[in-house]
Amino acid sequence: RFYADGTAAGSETSVLSAGVSGIKVSMVFNGSG
C-alpha cells in the first residue's frame, strides 16, 4: 500500500504462492478490500 502522496503505507506482504515466476496479476477494489 501507498498513501496518496506516494509514500509507503507499510511493507510488502506475500499474499499468494503462485509457484512460478512470470505470472500475470489483475486486481480491483471492492469497497472493503
PDB file of all heavy atoms in Angstrom:
ATOM      1  N   ARG A   1       0.836  -1.209   0.000  1.00  0.00           N
ATOM      2  CA  ARG A   1       0.000   0.000   0.000  1.00  0.00           C
ATOM      3  C   ARG A   1       0.863   1.249   0.000  1.00  0.00           C
ATOM      4  O   ARG A   1       1.957   1.259   0.554  1.00  0.00           O
ATOM      5  CB  ARG A   1      -0.908   0.020   1.236  1.00  0.00           C
ATOM      6  CG  ARG A   1      -1.851  -1.146   1.322  1.00  0.00           C
ATOM      7  CD  ARG A   1      -2.680  -1.149   2.608  1.00  0.00           C
ATOM      8  NE  ARG A   1      -1.840  -1.135   3.792  1.00  0.00           N
ATOM      9  CZ  ARG A   1      -1.882  -0.190   4.746  1.00  0.00           C
ATOM     10  NH1 ARG A   1      -2.722   0.817   4.668  1.00  0.00           N
ATOM     11  NH2 ARG A   1      -1.083  -0.254   5.790  1.00  0.00           N
ATOM     12  N   PHE A   2       0.315   2.321  -0.625  1.00  0.00           N
ATOM     13  CA  PHE A   2       0.978   3.621  -0.658  1.00  0.00           C
ATOM     14  C   PHE A   2      -0.049   4.701  -0.361  1.00  0.00           C
ATOM     15  O   PHE A   2      -1.178   4.640  -0.850  1.00  0.00           O
ATOM     16  CB  PHE A   2       1.601   3.889  -2.034  1.00  0.00           C
ATOM     17  CG  PHE A   2       2.728   2.957  -2.351  1.00  0.00           C
ATOM     18  CD1 PHE A   2       2.493   1.754  -2.999  1.00  0.00           C
ATOM     19  CD2 PHE A   2       4.015   3.264  -1.976  1.00  0.00           C
ATOM     20  CE1 PHE A   2       3.527   0.889  -3.274  1.00  0.00           C
ATOM     21  CE2 PHE A   2       5.059   2.401  -2.245  1.00  0.00           C
ATOM     22  CZ  PHE A   2       4.808   1.206  -2.894  1.00  0.00           C
ATOM     23  N   TYR A   3       0.353   5.689   0.442  1.00  0.00           N
ATOM     24  CA  TYR A   3      -0.522   6.830   0.705  1.00  0.00           C
ATOM     25  C   TYR A   3      -0.690   7.663  -0.563  1.00  0.00           C
ATOM     26  O   TYR A   3       0.038   7.490  -1.535  1.00  0.00           O
ATOM     27  CB  TYR A   3       0.048   7.695   1.836  1.00  0.00           C
ATOM     28  CG  TYR A   3       0.060   6.994   3.174  1.00  0.00           C
ATOM     29  CD1 TYR A   3       1.264   6.776   3.836  1.00  0.00           C
ATOM     30  CD2 TYR A   3      -1.123   6.554   3.763  1.00  0.00           C
ATOM     31  CE1 TYR A   3       1.282   6.117   5.065  1.00  0.00           C
ATOM     32  CE2 TYR A   3      -1.107   5.900   4.983  1.00  0.00           C
ATOM     33  CZ  TYR A   3       0.098   5.685   5.632  1.00  0.00           C
ATOM     34  OH  TYR A   3       0.114   5.033   6.835  1.00  0.00           O
ATOM     35  N   ALA A   4      -1.632   8.572  -0.525  1.00  0.00           N
ATOM     36  CA  ALA A   4      -1.943   9.403  -1.694  1.00  0.00           C
ATOM     37  C   ALA A   4      -0.735  10.200  -2.168  1.00  0.00           C
ATOM     38  O   ALA A   4      -0.613  10.482  -3.363  1.00  0.00           O
ATOM     39  CB  ALA A   4      -3.103  10.341  -1.378  1.00  0.00           C
ATOM     40  N   ASP A   5       0.179  10.549  -1.267  1.00  0.00           N
ATOM     41  CA  ASP A   5       1.355  11.320  -1.674  1.00  0.00           C
ATOM     42  C   ASP A   5       2.482  10.438  -2.208  1.00  0.00           C
ATOM     43  O   ASP A   5       3.542  10.917  -2.569  1.00  0.00           O
ATOM     44  CB  ASP A   5       1.869  12.187  -0.527  1.00  0.00           C
ATOM     45  CG  ASP A   5       2.442  11.380   0.628  1.00  0.00           C
ATOM     46  OD1 ASP A   5       2.411  10.124   0.583  1.00  0.00           O
ATOM     47  OD2 ASP A   5       2.930  11.999   1.596  1.00  0.00           O
ATOM     48  N   GLY A   6       2.255   9.119  -2.256  1.00  0.00           N
ATOM     49  CA  GLY A   6       3.244   8.200  -2.808  1.00  0.00           C
ATOM     50  C   GLY A   6       4.149   7.532  -1.795  1.00  0.00           C
ATOM     51  O   GLY A   6       4.898   6.632  -2.151  1.00  0.00           O
ATOM     52  N   THR A   7       4.095   7.936  -0.530  1.00  0.00           N
ATOM     53  CA  THR A   7       4.939   7.286   0.472  1.00  0.00           C
ATOM     54  C   THR A   7       4.331   5.951   0.884  1.00  0.00           C
ATOM     55  O   THR A   7       3.115   5.772   0.871  1.00  0.00           O
ATOM     56  CB  THR A   7       5.125   8.171   1.718  1.00  0.00           C
ATOM     57  OG1 THR A   7       3.848   8.485   2.268  1.00  0.00           O
ATOM     58  CG2 THR A   7       5.856   9.449   1.363  1.00  0.00           C
ATOM     59  N   ALA A   8       5.190   5.020   1.238  1.00  0.00           N
ATOM     60  CA  ALA A   8       4.741   3.667   1.580  1.00  0.00           C
ATOM     61  C   ALA A   8       3.881   3.674   2.832  1.00  0.00           C
ATOM     62  O   ALA A   8       4.205   4.336   3.814  1.00  0.00           O
ATOM     63  CB  ALA A   8       5.942   2.756   1.770  1.00  0.00           C
ATOM     64  N   ALA A   9       2.788   2.933   2.799  1.00  0.00           N
ATOM     65  CA  ALA A   9       1.896   2.821   3.946  1.00  0.00           C
ATOM     66  C   ALA A   9       2.212   1.576   4.765  1.00  0.00           C
ATOM     67  O   ALA A   9       1.606   1.337   5.797  1.00  0.00           O
ATOM     68  CB  ALA A   9       0.439   2.780   3.487  1.00  0.00           C
ATOM     69  N   GLY A  10       3.141   0.796   4.312  1.00  0.00           N
ATOM     70  CA  GLY A  10       3.535  -0.411   5.019  1.00  0.00           C
ATOM     71  C   GLY A  10       4.515  -1.193   4.172  1.00  0.00           C
ATOM     72  O   GLY A  10       4.808  -0.822   3.035  1.00  0.00           O
ATOM     73  N   SER A  11       5.011  -2.278   4.713  1.00  0.00           N
ATOM     74  CA  SER A  11       5.961  -3.099   3.966  1.00  0.00           C
ATOM     75  C   SER A  11       5.199  -4.056   3.051  1.00  0.00           C
ATOM     76  O   SER A  11       4.001  -4.273   3.202  1.00  0.00           O
ATOM     77  CB  SER A  11       6.863  -3.870   4.924  1.00  0.00           C
ATOM     78  OG  SER A  11       6.081  -4.683   5.766  1.00  0.00           O
ATOM     79  N   GLU A  12       5.931  -4.637   2.109  1.00  0.00           N
ATOM     80  CA  GLU A  12       5.288  -5.585   1.204  1.00  0.00           C
ATOM     81  C   GLU A  12       4.880  -6.836   1.969  1.00  0.00           C
ATOM     82  O   GLU A  12       5.496  -7.206   2.960  1.00  0.00           O
ATOM     83  CB  GLU A  12       6.210  -5.941   0.043  1.00  0.00           C
ATOM     84  CG  GLU A  12       7.417  -6.764   0.428  1.00  0.00           C
ATOM     85  CD  GLU A  12       8.295  -7.115  -0.768  1.00  0.00           C
ATOM     86  OE1 GLU A  12       8.012  -6.676  -1.893  1.00  0.00           O
ATOM     87  OE2 GLU A  12       9.279  -7.841  -0.555  1.00  0.00           O
ATOM     88  N   THR A  13       3.809  -7.471   1.486  1.00  0.00           N
ATOM     89  CA  THR A  13       3.290  -8.670   2.113  1.00  0.00           C
ATOM     90  C   THR A  13       3.140  -9.747   1.048  1.00  0.00           C
ATOM     91  O   THR A  13       2.542  -9.502   0.002  1.00  0.00           O
ATOM     92  CB  THR A  13       1.892  -8.401   2.716  1.00  0.00           C
ATOM     93  OG1 THR A  13       1.975  -7.287   3.592  1.00  0.00           O
ATOM     94  CG2 THR A  13       1.371  -9.597   3.461  1.00  0.00           C
ATOM     95  N   SER A  14       3.683 -10.927   1.291  1.00  0.00           N
ATOM     96  CA  SER A  14       3.463 -12.049   0.389  1.00  0.00           C
ATOM     97  C   SER A  14       2.079 -12.605   0.684  1.00  0.00           C
ATOM     98  O   SER A  14       1.793 -13.029   1.800  1.00  0.00           O
ATOM     99  CB  SER A  14       4.528 -13.122   0.603  1.00  0.00           C
ATOM    100  OG  SER A  14       4.253 -14.248  -0.201  1.00  0.00           O
ATOM    101  N   VAL A  15       1.224 -12.562  -0.311  1.00  0.00           N
ATOM    102  CA  VAL A  15      -0.166 -12.948  -0.055  1.00  0.00           C
ATOM    103  C   VAL A  15      -0.568 -14.246  -0.728  1.00  0.00           C
ATOM    104  O   VAL A  15      -1.466 -14.932  -0.252  1.00  0.00           O
ATOM    105  CB  VAL A  15      -1.145 -11.827  -0.471  1.00  0.00           C
ATOM    106  CG1 VAL A  15      -0.962 -10.607   0.391  1.00  0.00           C
ATOM    107  CG2 VAL A  15      -1.006 -11.467  -1.930  1.00  0.00           C
ATOM    108  N   LEU A  16       0.074 -14.597  -1.833  1.00  0.00           N
ATOM    109  CA  LEU A  16      -0.312 -15.806  -2.558  1.00  0.00           C
ATOM    110  C   LEU A  16       0.936 -16.509  -3.065  1.00  0.00           C
ATOM    111  O   LEU A  16       1.845 -15.863  -3.571  1.00  0.00           O
ATOM    112  CB  LEU A  16      -1.205 -15.459  -3.758  1.00  0.00           C
ATOM    113  CG  LEU A  16      -2.470 -14.659  -3.465  1.00  0.00           C
ATOM    114  CD1 LEU A  16      -3.051 -14.115  -4.753  1.00  0.00           C
ATOM    115  CD2 LEU A  16      -3.479 -15.523  -2.747  1.00  0.00           C
ATOM    116  N   SER A  17       0.957 -17.816  -2.957  1.00  0.00           N
ATOM    117  CA  SER A  17       2.055 -18.578  -3.527  1.00  0.00           C
ATOM    118  C   SER A  17       1.602 -19.114  -4.875  1.00  0.00           C
ATOM    119  O   SER A  17       0.766 -20.009  -4.952  1.00  0.00           O
ATOM    120  CB  SER A  17       2.439 -19.732  -2.610  1.00  0.00           C
ATOM    121  OG  SER A  17       3.495 -20.458  -3.181  1.00  0.00           O
ATOM    122  N   ALA A  18       2.141 -18.520  -5.938  1.00  0.00           N
ATOM    123  CA  ALA A  18       1.739 -18.904  -7.283  1.00  0.00           C
ATOM    124  C   ALA A  18       2.550 -20.076  -7.808  1.00  0.00           C
ATOM    125  O   ALA A  18       2.115 -20.797  -8.681  1.00  0.00           O
ATOM    126  CB  ALA A  18       1.881 -17.711  -8.224  1.00  0.00           C
ATOM    127  N   GLY A  19       3.753 -20.242  -7.288  1.00  0.00           N
ATOM    128  CA  GLY A  19       4.566 -21.387  -7.653  1.00  0.00           C
ATOM    129  C   GLY A  19       5.342 -21.244  -8.949  1.00  0.00           C
ATOM    130  O   GLY A  19       5.976 -22.187  -9.376  1.00  0.00           O
ATOM    131  N   VAL A  20       5.288 -20.095  -9.596  1.00  0.00           N
ATOM    132  CA  VAL A  20       6.019 -19.935 -10.847  1.00  0.00           C
ATOM    133  C   VAL A  20       6.276 -18.458 -11.095  1.00  0.00           C
ATOM    134  O   VAL A  20       5.456 -17.613 -10.762  1.00  0.00           O
ATOM    135  CB  VAL A  20       5.241 -20.559 -12.033  1.00  0.00           C
ATOM    136  CG1 VAL A  20       3.927 -19.857 -12.253  1.00  0.00           C
ATOM    137  CG2 VAL A  20       6.087 -20.584 -13.286  1.00  0.00           C
ATOM    138  N   SER A  21       7.426 -18.151 -11.669  1.00  0.00           N
ATOM    139  CA  SER A  21       7.743 -16.761 -11.994  1.00  0.00           C
ATOM    140  C   SER A  21       7.070 -16.364 -13.299  1.00  0.00           C
ATOM    141  O   SER A  21       6.766 -17.203 -14.138  1.00  0.00           O
ATOM    142  CB  SER A  21       9.258 -16.583 -12.136  1.00  0.00           C
ATOM    143  OG  SER A  21       9.866 -16.778 -10.887  1.00  0.00           O
ATOM    144  N   GLY A  22       6.906 -15.069 -13.474  1.00  0.00           N
ATOM    145  CA  GLY A  22       6.366 -14.548 -14.729  1.00  0.00           C
ATOM    146  C   GLY A  22       4.858 -14.563 -14.823  1.00  0.00           C
ATOM    147  O   GLY A  22       4.297 -14.497 -15.905  1.00  0.00           O
ATOM    148  N   ILE A  23       4.185 -14.645 -13.699  1.00  0.00           N
ATOM    149  CA  ILE A  23       2.727 -14.700 -13.732  1.00  0.00           C
ATOM    150  C   ILE A  23       2.133 -13.324 -14.001  1.00  0.00           C
ATOM    151  O   ILE A  23       2.782 -12.311 -13.854  1.00  0.00           O
ATOM    152  CB  ILE A  23       2.145 -15.271 -12.427  1.00  0.00           C
ATOM    153  CG1 ILE A  23       2.469 -14.355 -11.259  1.00  0.00           C
ATOM    154  CG2 ILE A  23       2.647 -16.660 -12.174  1.00  0.00           C
ATOM    155  CD1 ILE A  23       1.770 -14.714  -9.995  1.00  0.00           C
ATOM    156  N   LYS A  24       0.876 -13.320 -14.424  1.00  0.00           N
ATOM    157  CA  LYS A  24       0.144 -12.087 -14.671  1.00  0.00           C
ATOM    158  C   LYS A  24      -0.889 -11.904 -13.576  1.00  0.00           C
ATOM    159  O   LYS A  24      -1.572 -12.854 -13.197  1.00  0.00           O
ATOM    160  CB  LYS A  24      -0.557 -12.126 -16.031  1.00  0.00           C
ATOM    161  CG  LYS A  24       0.406 -12.094 -17.208  1.00  0.00           C
ATOM    162  CD  LYS A  24       1.005 -13.434 -17.361  1.00  0.00           C
ATOM    163  CE  LYS A  24       1.982 -13.554 -18.514  1.00  0.00           C
ATOM    164  NZ  LYS A  24       2.632 -14.862 -18.484  1.00  0.00           N
ATOM    165  N   VAL A  25      -1.024 -10.681 -13.072  1.00  0.00           N
ATOM    166  CA  VAL A  25      -1.914 -10.386 -11.950  1.00  0.00           C
ATOM    167  C   VAL A  25      -2.881  -9.291 -12.362  1.00  0.00           C
ATOM    168  O   VAL A  25      -2.514  -8.371 -13.091  1.00  0.00           O
ATOM    169  CB  VAL A  25      -1.100  -9.909 -10.715  1.00  0.00           C
ATOM    170  CG1 VAL A  25      -2.013  -9.666  -9.525  1.00  0.00           C
ATOM    171  CG2 VAL A  25      -0.010 -10.894 -10.365  1.00  0.00           C
ATOM    172  N   SER A  26      -4.123  -9.383 -11.872  1.00  0.00           N
ATOM    173  CA  SER A  26      -5.113  -8.316 -12.035  1.00  0.00           C
ATOM    174  C   SER A  26      -5.781  -8.119 -10.682  1.00  0.00           C
ATOM    175  O   SER A  26      -5.966  -9.079  -9.927  1.00  0.00           O
ATOM    176  CB  SER A  26      -6.140  -8.683 -13.107  1.00  0.00           C
ATOM    177  OG  SER A  26      -7.053  -7.632 -13.319  1.00  0.00           O
ATOM    178  N   MET A  27      -6.153  -6.874 -10.357  1.00  0.00           N
ATOM    179  CA  MET A  27      -6.705  -6.575  -9.037  1.00  0.00           C
ATOM    180  C   MET A  27      -7.747  -5.472  -9.144  1.00  0.00           C
ATOM    181  O   MET A  27      -7.642  -4.583  -9.980  1.00  0.00           O
ATOM    182  CB  MET A  27      -5.569  -6.128  -8.113  1.00  0.00           C
ATOM    183  CG  MET A  27      -6.016  -5.720  -6.719  1.00  0.00           C
ATOM    184  SD  MET A  27      -4.630  -5.353  -5.597  1.00  0.00           S
ATOM    185  CE  MET A  27      -3.854  -3.965  -6.375  1.00  0.00           C
ATOM    186  N   VAL A  28      -8.775  -5.538  -8.282  1.00  0.00           N
ATOM    187  CA  VAL A  28      -9.786  -4.481  -8.177  1.00  0.00           C
ATOM    188  C   VAL A  28     -10.070  -4.208  -6.706  1.00  0.00           C
ATOM    189  O   VAL A  28      -9.848  -5.067  -5.847  1.00  0.00           O
ATOM    190  CB  VAL A  28     -11.112  -4.864  -8.889  1.00  0.00           C
ATOM    191  CG1 VAL A  28     -10.912  -5.028 -10.381  1.00  0.00           C
ATOM    192  CG2 VAL A  28     -11.730  -6.112  -8.280  1.00  0.00           C
ATOM    193  N   PHE A  29     -10.564  -3.005  -6.430  1.00  0.00           N
ATOM    194  CA  PHE A  29     -11.039  -2.654  -5.091  1.00  0.00           C
ATOM    195  C   PHE A  29     -12.538  -2.928  -5.062  1.00  0.00           C
ATOM    196  O   PHE A  29     -13.270  -2.554  -5.964  1.00  0.00           O
ATOM    197  CB  PHE A  29     -10.754  -1.178  -4.802  1.00  0.00           C
ATOM    198  CG  PHE A  29     -11.256  -0.714  -3.466  1.00  0.00           C
ATOM    199  CD1 PHE A  29     -10.743  -1.251  -2.298  1.00  0.00           C
ATOM    200  CD2 PHE A  29     -12.235   0.259  -3.379  1.00  0.00           C
ATOM    201  CE1 PHE A  29     -11.200  -0.828  -1.057  1.00  0.00           C
ATOM    202  CE2 PHE A  29     -12.695   0.701  -2.150  1.00  0.00           C
ATOM    203  CZ  PHE A  29     -12.180   0.155  -0.989  1.00  0.00           C
ATOM    204  N   ASN A  30     -13.007  -3.599  -3.999  1.00  0.00           N
ATOM    205  CA  ASN A  30     -14.411  -3.987  -3.932  1.00  0.00           C
ATOM    206  C   ASN A  30     -15.217  -3.199  -2.901  1.00  0.00           C
ATOM    207  O   ASN A  30     -16.339  -3.564  -2.585  1.00  0.00           O
ATOM    208  CB  ASN A  30     -14.538  -5.488  -3.657  1.00  0.00           C
ATOM    209  CG  ASN A  30     -13.947  -5.882  -2.317  1.00  0.00           C
ATOM    210  OD1 ASN A  30     -13.811  -5.071  -1.403  1.00  0.00           O
ATOM    211  ND2 ASN A  30     -13.572  -7.149  -2.192  1.00  0.00           N
ATOM    212  N   GLY A  31     -14.671  -2.143  -2.360  1.00  0.00           N
ATOM    213  CA  GLY A  31     -15.366  -1.340  -1.363  1.00  0.00           C
ATOM    214  C   GLY A  31     -14.906  -1.612   0.052  1.00  0.00           C
ATOM    215  O   GLY A  31     -14.979  -0.736   0.911  1.00  0.00           O
ATOM    216  N   SER A  32     -14.424  -2.829   0.324  1.00  0.00           N
ATOM    217  CA  SER A  32     -13.943  -3.157   1.667  1.00  0.00           C
ATOM    218  C   SER A  32     -12.618  -3.910   1.644  1.00  0.00           C
ATOM    219  O   SER A  32     -12.066  -4.219   2.684  1.00  0.00           O
ATOM    220  CB  SER A  32     -14.990  -4.000   2.406  1.00  0.00           C
ATOM    221  OG  SER A  32     -15.202  -5.219   1.721  1.00  0.00           O
ATOM    222  N   GLY A  33     -12.136  -4.216   0.472  1.00  0.00           N
ATOM    223  CA  GLY A  33     -10.886  -4.949   0.302  1.00  0.00           C
ATOM    224  C   GLY A  33     -10.589  -5.062  -1.179  1.00  0.00           C
ATOM    225  O   GLY A  33     -10.995  -4.207  -1.968  1.00  0.00           O
TER     226      GLY A  33
END
